[in-house]
Amino acid sequence: MPVGIEAWITQIPPVTRAWLALSVLTSVAVQCQVVTPLQLYFSYKAAFTNFQPWRVATNFFYFGALSLDFVFHMFFFMRYSRMLEESSFANKKADYVWLLILSSLMLLILSPLVNLPFLSSPLAFVPIYLWSRRHPSTPISLFGLITITAPYLPLALVALAWVLNGTWRAAAGDLLGCAVGHVSWFMRDVWSREMIGGPTVFSDAPDLLKRLLGEL
């Protein structure tokens, strides 16, 4: 591996780096026909009735075939997940993993509403949405064409995904991710801080997870 690429990879925070690596490896494995999407997608029947529990996790790492849409999601997911992990979750990787776990559970519960076999894109919108709400005055330039403030970023990306895919289904999944991101933001930044006045199970990772990740 070239030194420049290796240095760039090591600069990515650990949770974002692991998530990115698993997502890229999953799509490459499908592209090389090591596995098929049919072995990775989520359904309650396949996961729990047919005893294939790995589908609960694998559906969050497959962003589709290697394509322009794949690059689009990888770029924005990695950019804003990295920025969120380096700011709000600096030295708090257990809390960031806990955010993703809770968001994943919400997406699994809500998935029948949109009938999506893969929830990778909706989950990727959670850190994007949370970052945008925590940096409301930050200007964002989209490909040098238009400039918006951060709170409008998730909806702009939803519209762009719709244009790239040409179908409402892609937008439905991303909108579901925005909805879960909004709930996560509310429970962490509004409920925990302003209404409770301190950490709750929705904002702080359990001690067991912190121990597993070496933070206790």
N, C-alpha and C. Protein backbone atom coordinates (compact mmCIF):
# COMPACT_ATOMS: atom_id res chain seq x y z
N MET A 1 0.85 -1.19 0.00
CA MET A 1 0.00 0.00 0.00
C MET A 1 0.88 1.24 0.00
N PRO A 2 0.62 2.22 -0.90
CA PRO A 2 1.41 3.45 -0.92
C PRO A 2 1.38 4.16 0.42
N VAL A 3 2.52 4.81 0.76
CA VAL A 3 2.65 5.45 2.07
C VAL A 3 1.58 6.52 2.25
N GLY A 4 1.28 7.30 1.21
CA GLY A 4 0.31 8.37 1.32
C GLY A 4 -1.08 7.86 1.66
N ILE A 5 -1.48 6.77 1.00
CA ILE A 5 -2.80 6.19 1.26
C ILE A 5 -2.86 5.60 2.66
N GLU A 6 -1.78 4.93 3.06
CA GLU A 6 -1.74 4.34 4.40
C GLU A 6 -1.83 5.41 5.47
N ALA A 7 -1.13 6.52 5.27
CA ALA A 7 -1.17 7.62 6.24
C ALA A 7 -2.57 8.22 6.30
N TRP A 8 -3.22 8.35 5.13
CA TRP A 8 -4.58 8.91 5.10
C TRP A 8 -5.55 8.00 5.84
N ILE A 9 -5.42 6.70 5.65
CA ILE A 9 -6.32 5.76 6.31
C ILE A 9 -6.13 5.80 7.83
N THR A 10 -4.88 5.85 8.29
CA THR A 10 -4.62 5.86 9.73
C THR A 10 -5.10 7.14 10.40
N GLN A 11 -5.30 8.20 9.62
CA GLN A 11 -5.79 9.46 10.19
C GLN A 11 -7.30 9.45 10.41
N ILE A 12 -7.99 8.50 9.81
CA ILE A 12 -9.44 8.40 9.99
C ILE A 12 -9.72 7.84 11.38
N PRO A 13 -10.63 8.44 12.15
CA PRO A 13 -10.93 7.93 13.49
C PRO A 13 -11.37 6.47 13.45
N PRO A 14 -11.17 5.73 14.54
CA PRO A 14 -11.31 4.26 14.51
C PRO A 14 -12.68 3.73 14.12
N VAL A 15 -13.75 4.33 14.64
CA VAL A 15 -15.09 3.79 14.34
C VAL A 15 -15.43 4.03 12.87
N THR A 16 -15.18 5.24 12.39
CA THR A 16 -15.44 5.54 10.98
C THR A 16 -14.57 4.68 10.08
N ARG A 17 -13.31 4.48 10.47
CA ARG A 17 -12.40 3.66 9.66
C ARG A 17 -12.88 2.22 9.57
N ALA A 18 -13.32 1.65 10.70
CA ALA A 18 -13.81 0.26 10.68
C ALA A 18 -15.08 0.15 9.85
N TRP A 19 -15.98 1.11 10.00
CA TRP A 19 -17.24 1.11 9.25
C TRP A 19 -16.96 1.22 7.76
N LEU A 20 -16.05 2.12 7.37
CA LEU A 20 -15.69 2.31 5.97
C LEU A 20 -15.07 1.04 5.40
N ALA A 21 -14.14 0.44 6.15
CA ALA A 21 -13.45 -0.75 5.66
C ALA A 21 -14.43 -1.91 5.45
N LEU A 22 -15.33 -2.13 6.40
CA LEU A 22 -16.31 -3.21 6.26
C LEU A 22 -17.26 -2.97 5.09
N SER A 23 -17.62 -1.72 4.87
CA SER A 23 -18.53 -1.40 3.77
C SER A 23 -17.86 -1.62 2.42
N VAL A 24 -16.62 -1.16 2.28
CA VAL A 24 -15.90 -1.35 1.02
C VAL A 24 -15.63 -2.83 0.77
N LEU A 25 -15.19 -3.55 1.80
CA LEU A 25 -14.91 -4.97 1.64
C LEU A 25 -16.16 -5.76 1.27
N THR A 26 -17.30 -5.38 1.83
CA THR A 26 -18.55 -6.07 1.52
C THR A 26 -18.92 -5.88 0.06
N SER A 27 -18.83 -4.65 -0.44
CA SER A 27 -19.17 -4.40 -1.85
C SER A 27 -18.17 -5.07 -2.78
N VAL A 28 -16.90 -5.08 -2.42
CA VAL A 28 -15.89 -5.76 -3.24
C VAL A 28 -16.15 -7.26 -3.25
N ALA A 29 -16.52 -7.83 -2.10
CA ALA A 29 -16.82 -9.26 -2.03
C ALA A 29 -18.00 -9.63 -2.92
N VAL A 30 -19.01 -8.77 -2.95
CA VAL A 30 -20.16 -9.01 -3.84
C VAL A 30 -19.74 -8.87 -5.30
N GLN A 31 -18.93 -7.83 -5.59
CA GLN A 31 -18.48 -7.60 -6.96
C GLN A 31 -17.65 -8.78 -7.47
N CYS A 32 -16.87 -9.39 -6.57
CA CYS A 32 -16.02 -10.54 -6.94
C CYS A 32 -16.77 -11.87 -6.82
N GLN A 33 -18.06 -11.80 -6.49
CA GLN A 33 -18.93 -12.98 -6.41
C GLN A 33 -18.50 -13.95 -5.31
N VAL A 34 -17.87 -13.41 -4.26
CA VAL A 34 -17.55 -14.22 -3.09
C VAL A 34 -18.83 -14.49 -2.30
N VAL A 35 -19.67 -13.48 -2.22
CA VAL A 35 -21.01 -13.60 -1.63
C VAL A 35 -21.98 -12.90 -2.57
N THR A 36 -23.25 -13.08 -2.32
CA THR A 36 -24.28 -12.41 -3.12
C THR A 36 -25.13 -11.54 -2.20
N PRO A 37 -25.78 -10.51 -2.74
CA PRO A 37 -26.67 -9.69 -1.90
C PRO A 37 -27.76 -10.50 -1.23
N LEU A 38 -28.17 -11.62 -1.84
CA LEU A 38 -29.21 -12.45 -1.26
C LEU A 38 -28.77 -13.07 0.07
N GLN A 39 -27.46 -13.15 0.28
CA GLN A 39 -26.95 -13.70 1.54
C GLN A 39 -26.77 -12.63 2.61
N LEU A 40 -26.98 -11.37 2.25
CA LEU A 40 -26.67 -10.27 3.15
C LEU A 40 -27.89 -9.46 3.60
N TYR A 41 -28.96 -9.47 2.81
CA TYR A 41 -30.08 -8.57 3.09
C TYR A 41 -30.80 -8.97 4.38
N PHE A 42 -31.58 -8.02 4.91
CA PHE A 42 -32.30 -8.27 6.16
C PHE A 42 -33.77 -8.52 5.91
N SER A 43 -34.28 -9.54 6.56
CA SER A 43 -35.72 -9.75 6.70
C SER A 43 -35.91 -10.49 8.01
N TYR A 44 -37.03 -10.22 8.67
CA TYR A 44 -37.27 -10.86 9.96
C TYR A 44 -37.34 -12.38 9.81
N LYS A 45 -37.96 -12.83 8.75
CA LYS A 45 -38.10 -14.28 8.55
C LYS A 45 -36.75 -14.94 8.34
N ALA A 46 -35.92 -14.36 7.46
CA ALA A 46 -34.62 -14.95 7.18
C ALA A 46 -33.71 -14.91 8.42
N ALA A 47 -33.76 -13.79 9.15
CA ALA A 47 -32.84 -13.62 10.28
C ALA A 47 -33.24 -14.45 11.48
N PHE A 48 -34.54 -14.51 11.78
CA PHE A 48 -34.96 -15.13 13.04
C PHE A 48 -35.68 -16.47 12.88
N THR A 49 -36.41 -16.64 11.78
CA THR A 49 -37.09 -17.91 11.57
C THR A 49 -36.18 -18.92 10.89
N ASN A 50 -35.40 -18.45 9.93
CA ASN A 50 -34.48 -19.34 9.22
C ASN A 50 -33.09 -19.39 9.86
N PHE A 51 -32.95 -18.76 11.02
CA PHE A 51 -31.71 -18.82 11.82
C PHE A 51 -30.49 -18.35 11.02
N GLN A 52 -30.60 -17.14 10.49
CA GLN A 52 -29.48 -16.51 9.80
C GLN A 52 -29.23 -15.13 10.43
N PRO A 53 -28.79 -15.11 11.69
CA PRO A 53 -28.70 -13.85 12.45
C PRO A 53 -27.69 -12.86 11.91
N TRP A 54 -26.73 -13.32 11.09
CA TRP A 54 -25.73 -12.38 10.57
C TRP A 54 -26.37 -11.27 9.72
N ARG A 55 -27.57 -11.53 9.20
CA ARG A 55 -28.24 -10.54 8.37
C ARG A 55 -28.57 -9.26 9.15
N VAL A 56 -28.70 -9.37 10.46
CA VAL A 56 -28.96 -8.19 11.29
C VAL A 56 -27.82 -7.19 11.17
N ALA A 57 -26.60 -7.68 10.96
CA ALA A 57 -25.44 -6.80 10.84
C ALA A 57 -25.05 -6.53 9.39
N THR A 58 -25.04 -7.59 8.55
CA THR A 58 -24.50 -7.42 7.19
C THR A 58 -25.29 -6.43 6.34
N ASN A 59 -26.57 -6.27 6.62
CA ASN A 59 -27.36 -5.35 5.80
C ASN A 59 -26.94 -3.89 5.99
N PHE A 60 -26.21 -3.62 7.07
CA PHE A 60 -25.75 -2.25 7.34
C PHE A 60 -24.42 -1.93 6.65
N PHE A 61 -23.80 -2.92 6.01
CA PHE A 61 -22.49 -2.68 5.40
C PHE A 61 -22.50 -2.78 3.88
N TYR A 62 -23.64 -3.12 3.30
CA TYR A 62 -23.69 -3.23 1.84
C TYR A 62 -24.38 -2.00 1.26
N PHE A 63 -23.59 -1.17 0.56
CA PHE A 63 -24.10 0.04 -0.05
C PHE A 63 -24.40 -0.15 -1.53
N GLY A 64 -24.42 -1.36 -1.98
CA GLY A 64 -24.73 -1.63 -3.38
C GLY A 64 -23.48 -1.90 -4.19
N ALA A 65 -23.70 -2.14 -5.48
CA ALA A 65 -22.58 -2.43 -6.38
C ALA A 65 -21.67 -1.21 -6.51
N LEU A 66 -20.42 -1.46 -6.89
CA LEU A 66 -19.47 -0.37 -7.10
C LEU A 66 -19.97 0.49 -8.26
N SER A 67 -20.37 1.72 -7.93
CA SER A 67 -21.00 2.59 -8.92
C SER A 67 -20.86 4.04 -8.45
N LEU A 68 -21.42 4.96 -9.24
CA LEU A 68 -21.41 6.37 -8.85
C LEU A 68 -22.18 6.58 -7.56
N ASP A 69 -23.30 5.88 -7.42
CA ASP A 69 -24.10 6.01 -6.19
C ASP A 69 -23.31 5.51 -4.99
N PHE A 70 -22.55 4.43 -5.16
CA PHE A 70 -21.71 3.89 -4.09
C PHE A 70 -20.66 4.93 -3.67
N VAL A 71 -19.99 5.53 -4.65
CA VAL A 71 -18.97 6.55 -4.35
C VAL A 71 -19.60 7.74 -3.65
N PHE A 72 -20.78 8.15 -4.11
CA PHE A 72 -21.51 9.27 -3.52
C PHE A 72 -21.76 9.02 -2.04
N HIS A 73 -22.30 7.84 -1.70
CA HIS A 73 -22.60 7.53 -0.30
C HIS A 73 -21.33 7.38 0.53
N MET A 74 -20.31 6.76 -0.03
CA MET A 74 -19.05 6.57 0.71
C MET A 74 -18.42 7.93 1.03
N PHE A 75 -18.41 8.83 0.06
CA PHE A 75 -17.77 10.13 0.26
C PHE A 75 -18.44 10.92 1.37
N PHE A 76 -19.77 11.08 1.27
CA PHE A 76 -20.46 11.91 2.26
C PHE A 76 -20.54 11.22 3.61
N PHE A 77 -20.75 9.91 3.62
CA PHE A 77 -20.78 9.20 4.91
C PHE A 77 -19.44 9.32 5.63
N MET A 78 -18.32 9.07 4.89
CA MET A 78 -17.02 9.11 5.55
C MET A 78 -16.67 10.53 6.00
N ARG A 79 -16.99 11.51 5.17
CA ARG A 79 -16.65 12.90 5.49
C ARG A 79 -17.32 13.35 6.79
N TYR A 80 -18.62 13.14 6.90
CA TYR A 80 -19.34 13.68 8.05
C TYR A 80 -19.29 12.75 9.27
N SER A 81 -19.16 11.46 9.04
CA SER A 81 -18.92 10.57 10.17
C SER A 81 -17.57 10.88 10.81
N ARG A 82 -16.58 11.13 9.97
CA ARG A 82 -15.25 11.48 10.48
C ARG A 82 -15.29 12.79 11.25
N MET A 83 -15.95 13.80 10.68
CA MET A 83 -16.01 15.10 11.35
C MET A 83 -16.76 15.01 12.67
N LEU A 84 -17.82 14.20 12.70
CA LEU A 84 -18.57 14.04 13.95
C LEU A 84 -17.74 13.31 14.99
N GLU A 85 -17.05 12.26 14.57
CA GLU A 85 -16.23 11.49 15.51
C GLU A 85 -15.05 12.31 16.03
N GLU A 86 -14.52 13.19 15.21
CA GLU A 86 -13.38 14.01 15.62
C GLU A 86 -13.80 15.19 16.50
N SER A 87 -15.07 15.55 16.48
CA SER A 87 -15.52 16.69 17.27
C SER A 87 -16.35 16.23 18.47
N SER A 88 -17.61 15.89 18.26
CA SER A 88 -18.50 15.53 19.36
C SER A 88 -18.08 14.25 20.08
N PHE A 89 -17.47 13.33 19.35
CA PHE A 89 -17.13 12.03 19.94
C PHE A 89 -15.62 11.81 20.02
N ALA A 90 -14.86 12.90 20.10
CA ALA A 90 -13.42 12.76 20.25
C ALA A 90 -13.09 12.02 21.54
N ASN A 91 -12.32 10.95 21.43
CA ASN A 91 -11.95 10.10 22.58
C ASN A 91 -13.17 9.47 23.26
N LYS A 92 -14.26 9.32 22.51
CA LYS A 92 -15.48 8.71 23.04
C LYS A 92 -16.02 7.69 22.04
N LYS A 93 -15.16 6.79 21.62
CA LYS A 93 -15.58 5.85 20.58
C LYS A 93 -16.70 4.93 21.06
N ALA A 94 -16.75 4.61 22.35
CA ALA A 94 -17.83 3.77 22.87
C ALA A 94 -19.17 4.50 22.72
N ASP A 95 -19.20 5.80 23.00
CA ASP A 95 -20.44 6.57 22.85
C ASP A 95 -20.87 6.62 21.38
N TYR A 96 -19.90 6.71 20.48
CA TYR A 96 -20.24 6.75 19.05
C TYR A 96 -20.77 5.39 18.58
N VAL A 97 -20.13 4.33 19.02
CA VAL A 97 -20.62 2.98 18.69
C VAL A 97 -22.03 2.78 19.25
N TRP A 98 -22.26 3.29 20.48
CA TRP A 98 -23.57 3.17 21.10
C TRP A 98 -24.63 3.93 20.30
N LEU A 99 -24.28 5.11 19.80
CA LEU A 99 -25.19 5.87 18.93
C LEU A 99 -25.56 5.04 17.71
N LEU A 100 -24.58 4.39 17.09
CA LEU A 100 -24.84 3.60 15.89
C LEU A 100 -25.66 2.35 16.22
N ILE A 101 -25.42 1.75 17.38
CA ILE A 101 -26.19 0.56 17.78
C ILE A 101 -27.65 0.92 17.99
N LEU A 102 -27.91 1.99 18.75
CA LEU A 102 -29.29 2.41 19.00
C LEU A 102 -29.99 2.81 17.69
N SER A 103 -29.26 3.50 16.82
CA SER A 103 -29.83 3.91 15.53
C SER A 103 -30.13 2.69 14.67
N SER A 104 -29.25 1.70 14.70
CA SER A 104 -29.47 0.47 13.94
C SER A 104 -30.71 -0.26 14.43
N LEU A 105 -30.90 -0.31 15.74
CA LEU A 105 -32.08 -0.98 16.29
C LEU A 105 -33.36 -0.26 15.86
N MET A 106 -33.34 1.07 15.88
CA MET A 106 -34.52 1.82 15.44
C MET A 106 -34.81 1.56 13.97
N LEU A 107 -33.76 1.50 13.15
CA LEU A 107 -33.95 1.24 11.72
C LEU A 107 -34.50 -0.16 11.48
N LEU A 108 -34.03 -1.13 12.24
CA LEU A 108 -34.53 -2.50 12.08
C LEU A 108 -36.02 -2.57 12.44
N ILE A 109 -36.41 -1.84 13.47
CA ILE A 109 -37.82 -1.83 13.89
C ILE A 109 -38.69 -1.14 12.83
N LEU A 110 -38.16 -0.05 12.23
CA LEU A 110 -38.94 0.74 11.28
C LEU A 110 -38.85 0.22 9.85
N SER A 111 -37.93 -0.70 9.57
CA SER A 111 -37.68 -1.13 8.20
C SER A 111 -38.91 -1.65 7.47
N PRO A 112 -39.86 -2.33 8.14
CA PRO A 112 -41.05 -2.78 7.39
C PRO A 112 -41.86 -1.65 6.78
N LEU A 113 -41.71 -0.42 7.31
CA LEU A 113 -42.49 0.70 6.78
C LEU A 113 -42.08 1.05 5.34
N VAL A 114 -40.80 0.83 5.02
CA VAL A 114 -40.31 1.18 3.68
C VAL A 114 -39.85 -0.05 2.91
N ASN A 115 -39.90 -1.22 3.54
CA ASN A 115 -39.56 -2.47 2.87
C ASN A 115 -38.19 -2.43 2.21
N LEU A 116 -37.17 -2.00 2.97
CA LEU A 116 -35.81 -1.93 2.44
C LEU A 116 -35.01 -3.14 2.91
N PRO A 117 -34.40 -3.89 2.00
CA PRO A 117 -33.60 -5.04 2.41
C PRO A 117 -32.24 -4.65 3.00
N PHE A 118 -31.75 -3.44 2.64
CA PHE A 118 -30.46 -2.96 3.15
C PHE A 118 -30.65 -1.60 3.81
N LEU A 119 -30.07 -1.46 5.00
CA LEU A 119 -30.25 -0.24 5.80
C LEU A 119 -28.94 0.53 5.96
N SER A 120 -27.98 0.26 5.09
CA SER A 120 -26.68 0.94 5.17
C SER A 120 -26.81 2.43 4.93
N SER A 121 -27.52 2.81 3.87
CA SER A 121 -27.67 4.23 3.54
C SER A 121 -28.45 4.99 4.62
N PRO A 122 -29.59 4.46 5.11
CA PRO A 122 -30.26 5.15 6.21
C PRO A 122 -29.38 5.34 7.43
N LEU A 123 -28.59 4.31 7.80
CA LEU A 123 -27.71 4.44 8.96
C LEU A 123 -26.64 5.50 8.71
N ALA A 124 -26.13 5.57 7.47
CA ALA A 124 -25.10 6.56 7.15
C ALA A 124 -25.62 7.98 7.30
N PHE A 125 -26.93 8.17 7.16
CA PHE A 125 -27.50 9.51 7.30
C PHE A 125 -27.60 9.96 8.75
N VAL A 126 -27.50 9.04 9.70
CA VAL A 126 -27.61 9.41 11.11
C VAL A 126 -26.47 10.33 11.53
N PRO A 127 -25.18 9.96 11.32
CA PRO A 127 -24.11 10.91 11.69
C PRO A 127 -24.15 12.19 10.87
N ILE A 128 -24.57 12.10 9.60
CA ILE A 128 -24.68 13.31 8.79
C ILE A 128 -25.70 14.26 9.41
N TYR A 129 -26.85 13.72 9.79
CA TYR A 129 -27.92 14.55 10.38
C TYR A 129 -27.47 15.12 11.71
N LEU A 130 -26.86 14.28 12.56
CA LEU A 130 -26.45 14.76 13.88
C LEU A 130 -25.40 15.84 13.75
N TRP A 131 -24.43 15.66 12.85
CA TRP A 131 -23.40 16.70 12.65
C TRP A 131 -24.06 17.99 12.18
N SER A 132 -25.01 17.89 11.27
CA SER A 132 -25.63 19.10 10.72
C SER A 132 -26.40 19.88 11.79
N ARG A 133 -26.99 19.18 12.75
CA ARG A 133 -27.74 19.87 13.81
C ARG A 133 -26.80 20.47 14.85
N ARG A 134 -25.63 19.89 15.02
CA ARG A 134 -24.68 20.41 16.00
C ARG A 134 -23.80 21.53 15.44
N HIS A 135 -23.88 21.77 14.14
CA HIS A 135 -23.11 22.85 13.51
C HIS A 135 -24.04 23.67 12.61
N PRO A 136 -25.07 24.27 13.20
CA PRO A 136 -26.14 24.89 12.40
C PRO A 136 -25.72 26.07 11.54
N SER A 137 -24.64 26.75 11.90
CA SER A 137 -24.26 27.95 11.15
C SER A 137 -23.15 27.68 10.14
N THR A 138 -22.70 26.43 10.03
CA THR A 138 -21.60 26.11 9.12
C THR A 138 -22.08 26.12 7.67
N PRO A 139 -21.42 26.89 6.79
CA PRO A 139 -21.81 26.88 5.37
C PRO A 139 -21.25 25.63 4.68
N ILE A 140 -22.04 25.03 3.81
CA ILE A 140 -21.64 23.84 3.07
C ILE A 140 -21.75 24.13 1.58
N SER A 141 -20.66 23.88 0.84
CA SER A 141 -20.68 24.04 -0.60
C SER A 141 -20.87 22.66 -1.24
N LEU A 142 -21.92 22.51 -2.03
CA LEU A 142 -22.19 21.25 -2.71
C LEU A 142 -21.61 21.29 -4.11
N PHE A 143 -20.44 20.64 -4.25
CA PHE A 143 -19.75 20.53 -5.54
C PHE A 143 -19.47 21.89 -6.17
N GLY A 144 -19.36 22.92 -5.32
CA GLY A 144 -19.07 24.25 -5.83
C GLY A 144 -20.21 24.91 -6.58
N LEU A 145 -21.39 24.28 -6.54
CA LEU A 145 -22.54 24.81 -7.29
C LEU A 145 -23.43 25.70 -6.44
N ILE A 146 -23.79 25.21 -5.25
CA ILE A 146 -24.63 25.99 -4.35
C ILE A 146 -24.05 25.91 -2.94
N THR A 147 -24.36 26.91 -2.15
CA THR A 147 -23.92 26.94 -0.75
C THR A 147 -25.14 26.96 0.15
N ILE A 148 -25.16 26.06 1.12
CA ILE A 148 -26.27 25.98 2.06
C ILE A 148 -25.70 25.95 3.47
N THR A 149 -26.54 26.16 4.45
CA THR A 149 -26.10 25.98 5.82
C THR A 149 -26.31 24.53 6.24
N ALA A 150 -25.57 24.09 7.23
CA ALA A 150 -25.51 22.68 7.60
C ALA A 150 -26.86 22.01 7.84
N PRO A 151 -27.85 22.66 8.50
CA PRO A 151 -29.12 21.96 8.75
C PRO A 151 -29.85 21.50 7.49
N TYR A 152 -29.55 22.12 6.34
CA TYR A 152 -30.21 21.72 5.09
C TYR A 152 -29.44 20.61 4.35
N LEU A 153 -28.27 20.24 4.87
CA LEU A 153 -27.44 19.25 4.18
C LEU A 153 -28.15 17.90 4.00
N PRO A 154 -28.76 17.31 5.05
CA PRO A 154 -29.39 16.00 4.85
C PRO A 154 -30.44 16.00 3.75
N LEU A 155 -31.29 17.02 3.71
CA LEU A 155 -32.33 17.06 2.69
C LEU A 155 -31.74 17.27 1.30
N ALA A 156 -30.66 18.04 1.21
CA ALA A 156 -29.99 18.22 -0.08
C ALA A 156 -29.41 16.90 -0.58
N LEU A 157 -28.85 16.11 0.32
CA LEU A 157 -28.29 14.81 -0.06
C LEU A 157 -29.39 13.82 -0.43
N VAL A 158 -30.52 13.89 0.25
CA VAL A 158 -31.67 13.05 -0.11
C VAL A 158 -32.10 13.36 -1.54
N ALA A 159 -32.22 14.65 -1.87
CA ALA A 159 -32.62 15.05 -3.22
C ALA A 159 -31.61 14.59 -4.25
N LEU A 160 -30.32 14.68 -3.92
CA LEU A 160 -29.27 14.26 -4.85
C LEU A 160 -29.31 12.75 -5.07
N ALA A 161 -29.55 12.00 -3.99
CA ALA A 161 -29.66 10.54 -4.13
C ALA A 161 -30.84 10.16 -5.00
N TRP A 162 -31.93 10.90 -4.85
CA TRP A 162 -33.12 10.65 -5.66
C TRP A 162 -32.81 10.86 -7.14
N VAL A 163 -32.08 11.94 -7.44
CA VAL A 163 -31.72 12.24 -8.83
C VAL A 163 -30.80 11.16 -9.39
N LEU A 164 -29.82 10.72 -8.59
CA LEU A 164 -28.87 9.71 -9.05
C LEU A 164 -29.54 8.36 -9.30
N ASN A 165 -30.51 8.01 -8.43
CA ASN A 165 -31.16 6.70 -8.55
C ASN A 165 -32.40 6.74 -9.43
N GLY A 166 -33.01 7.90 -9.55
CA GLY A 166 -34.20 8.02 -10.37
C GLY A 166 -35.41 7.30 -9.81
N THR A 167 -35.41 7.05 -8.50
CA THR A 167 -36.54 6.35 -7.89
C THR A 167 -36.79 6.89 -6.50
N TRP A 168 -38.03 6.88 -6.08
CA TRP A 168 -38.38 7.38 -4.75
C TRP A 168 -37.86 6.47 -3.65
N ARG A 169 -37.60 5.17 -3.98
CA ARG A 169 -37.21 4.22 -2.94
C ARG A 169 -35.90 4.62 -2.25
N ALA A 170 -34.93 5.12 -3.04
CA ALA A 170 -33.67 5.57 -2.45
C ALA A 170 -33.92 6.74 -1.51
N ALA A 171 -34.80 7.66 -1.93
CA ALA A 171 -35.11 8.81 -1.09
C ALA A 171 -35.84 8.37 0.18
N ALA A 172 -36.69 7.35 0.06
CA ALA A 172 -37.43 6.88 1.24
C ALA A 172 -36.47 6.34 2.30
N GLY A 173 -35.47 5.58 1.88
CA GLY A 173 -34.50 5.06 2.83
C GLY A 173 -33.69 6.16 3.49
N ASP A 174 -33.26 7.14 2.69
CA ASP A 174 -32.48 8.24 3.25
C ASP A 174 -33.32 9.11 4.18
N LEU A 175 -34.59 9.31 3.83
CA LEU A 175 -35.48 10.06 4.71
C LEU A 175 -35.71 9.33 6.03
N LEU A 176 -35.77 8.00 5.96
CA LEU A 176 -35.87 7.21 7.19
C LEU A 176 -34.64 7.42 8.05
N GLY A 177 -33.46 7.48 7.42
CA GLY A 177 -32.23 7.76 8.16
C GLY A 177 -32.27 9.13 8.81
N CYS A 178 -32.82 10.12 8.09
CA CYS A 178 -32.95 11.47 8.66
C CYS A 178 -33.88 11.45 9.87
N ALA A 179 -34.98 10.69 9.77
CA ALA A 179 -35.93 10.61 10.89
C ALA A 179 -35.27 9.99 12.12
N VAL A 180 -34.52 8.91 11.91
CA VAL A 180 -33.81 8.28 13.03
C VAL A 180 -32.73 9.20 13.56
N GLY A 181 -32.06 9.91 12.66
CA GLY A 181 -31.06 10.89 13.09
C GLY A 181 -31.68 11.98 13.94
N HIS A 182 -32.89 12.42 13.58
CA HIS A 182 -33.58 13.45 14.36
C HIS A 182 -33.92 12.93 15.75
N VAL A 183 -34.40 11.69 15.84
CA VAL A 183 -34.71 11.11 17.15
C VAL A 183 -33.43 11.01 17.98
N SER A 184 -32.33 10.57 17.36
CA SER A 184 -31.05 10.46 18.08
C SER A 184 -30.59 11.82 18.59
N TRP A 185 -30.71 12.84 17.72
CA TRP A 185 -30.33 14.19 18.13
C TRP A 185 -31.21 14.67 19.29
N PHE A 186 -32.52 14.45 19.19
CA PHE A 186 -33.44 14.90 20.23
C PHE A 186 -33.13 14.22 21.57
N MET A 187 -32.91 12.91 21.55
CA MET A 187 -32.67 12.18 22.78
C MET A 187 -31.34 12.57 23.42
N ARG A 188 -30.35 12.93 22.60
CA ARG A 188 -29.03 13.28 23.13
C ARG A 188 -28.92 14.75 23.50
N ASP A 189 -29.36 15.61 22.62
CA ASP A 189 -29.09 17.04 22.79
C ASP A 189 -30.24 17.81 23.42
N VAL A 190 -31.45 17.32 23.30
CA VAL A 190 -32.59 18.02 23.87
C VAL A 190 -33.07 17.33 25.15
N TRP A 191 -33.42 16.07 25.03
CA TRP A 191 -33.96 15.35 26.19
C TRP A 191 -32.92 15.21 27.30
N SER A 192 -31.74 14.68 26.97
CA SER A 192 -30.74 14.41 28.00
C SER A 192 -30.19 15.68 28.64
N ARG A 193 -29.88 16.68 27.82
CA ARG A 193 -29.22 17.87 28.34
C ARG A 193 -30.21 18.91 28.89
N GLU A 194 -31.28 19.15 28.15
CA GLU A 194 -32.17 20.25 28.52
C GLU A 194 -33.33 19.81 29.42
N MET A 195 -33.78 18.58 29.28
CA MET A 195 -34.92 18.14 30.08
C MET A 195 -34.49 17.31 31.29
N ILE A 196 -33.51 16.44 31.11
CA ILE A 196 -33.04 15.60 32.21
C ILE A 196 -31.91 16.29 32.97
N GLY A 197 -31.08 17.03 32.22
CA GLY A 197 -29.97 17.74 32.86
C GLY A 197 -28.76 16.89 33.13
N GLY A 198 -28.63 15.78 32.41
CA GLY A 198 -27.48 14.91 32.60
C GLY A 198 -27.54 13.73 31.65
N PRO A 199 -26.54 12.88 31.68
CA PRO A 199 -26.49 11.74 30.77
C PRO A 199 -27.60 10.73 31.05
N THR A 200 -28.04 10.07 29.99
CA THR A 200 -29.02 9.00 30.10
C THR A 200 -28.51 7.80 29.30
N VAL A 201 -29.29 6.74 29.30
CA VAL A 201 -28.91 5.54 28.54
C VAL A 201 -28.88 5.83 27.05
N PHE A 202 -29.54 6.90 26.62
CA PHE A 202 -29.55 7.25 25.20
C PHE A 202 -28.33 8.08 24.80
N SER A 203 -27.63 8.65 25.76
CA SER A 203 -26.50 9.51 25.44
C SER A 203 -25.15 8.90 25.80
N ASP A 204 -25.10 8.10 26.84
CA ASP A 204 -23.85 7.51 27.29
C ASP A 204 -23.86 6.01 27.08
N ALA A 205 -22.75 5.47 26.58
CA ALA A 205 -22.64 4.03 26.36
C ALA A 205 -22.62 3.29 27.68
N PRO A 206 -23.15 2.07 27.73
CA PRO A 206 -23.07 1.27 28.96
C PRO A 206 -21.62 0.98 29.33
N ASP A 207 -21.37 0.76 30.61
CA ASP A 207 -20.01 0.49 31.07
C ASP A 207 -19.43 -0.75 30.40
N LEU A 208 -20.27 -1.74 30.12
CA LEU A 208 -19.77 -2.96 29.48
C LEU A 208 -19.16 -2.65 28.12
N LEU A 209 -19.83 -1.82 27.33
CA LEU A 209 -19.30 -1.45 26.01
C LEU A 209 -18.03 -0.63 26.16
N LYS A 210 -17.98 0.24 27.15
CA LYS A 210 -16.76 1.04 27.37
C LYS A 210 -15.58 0.14 27.75
N ARG A 211 -15.87 -0.89 28.56
CA ARG A 211 -14.80 -1.83 28.91
C ARG A 211 -14.31 -2.60 27.68
N LEU A 212 -15.24 -3.03 26.86
CA LEU A 212 -14.87 -3.78 25.65
C LEU A 212 -14.00 -2.97 24.72
N LEU A 213 -14.22 -1.66 24.70
CA LEU A 213 -13.46 -0.78 23.81
C LEU A 213 -12.31 -0.09 24.53
N GLY A 214 -12.01 -0.54 25.74
CA GLY A 214 -10.84 -0.05 26.46
C GLY A 214 -10.95 1.35 27.00
N GLU A 215 -12.16 1.79 27.34
CA GLU A 215 -12.34 3.15 27.85
C GLU A 215 -12.63 3.18 29.34
N LEU A 216 -12.60 2.02 30.00
CA LEU A 216 -12.74 1.95 31.46
C LEU A 216 -11.65 1.07 32.03
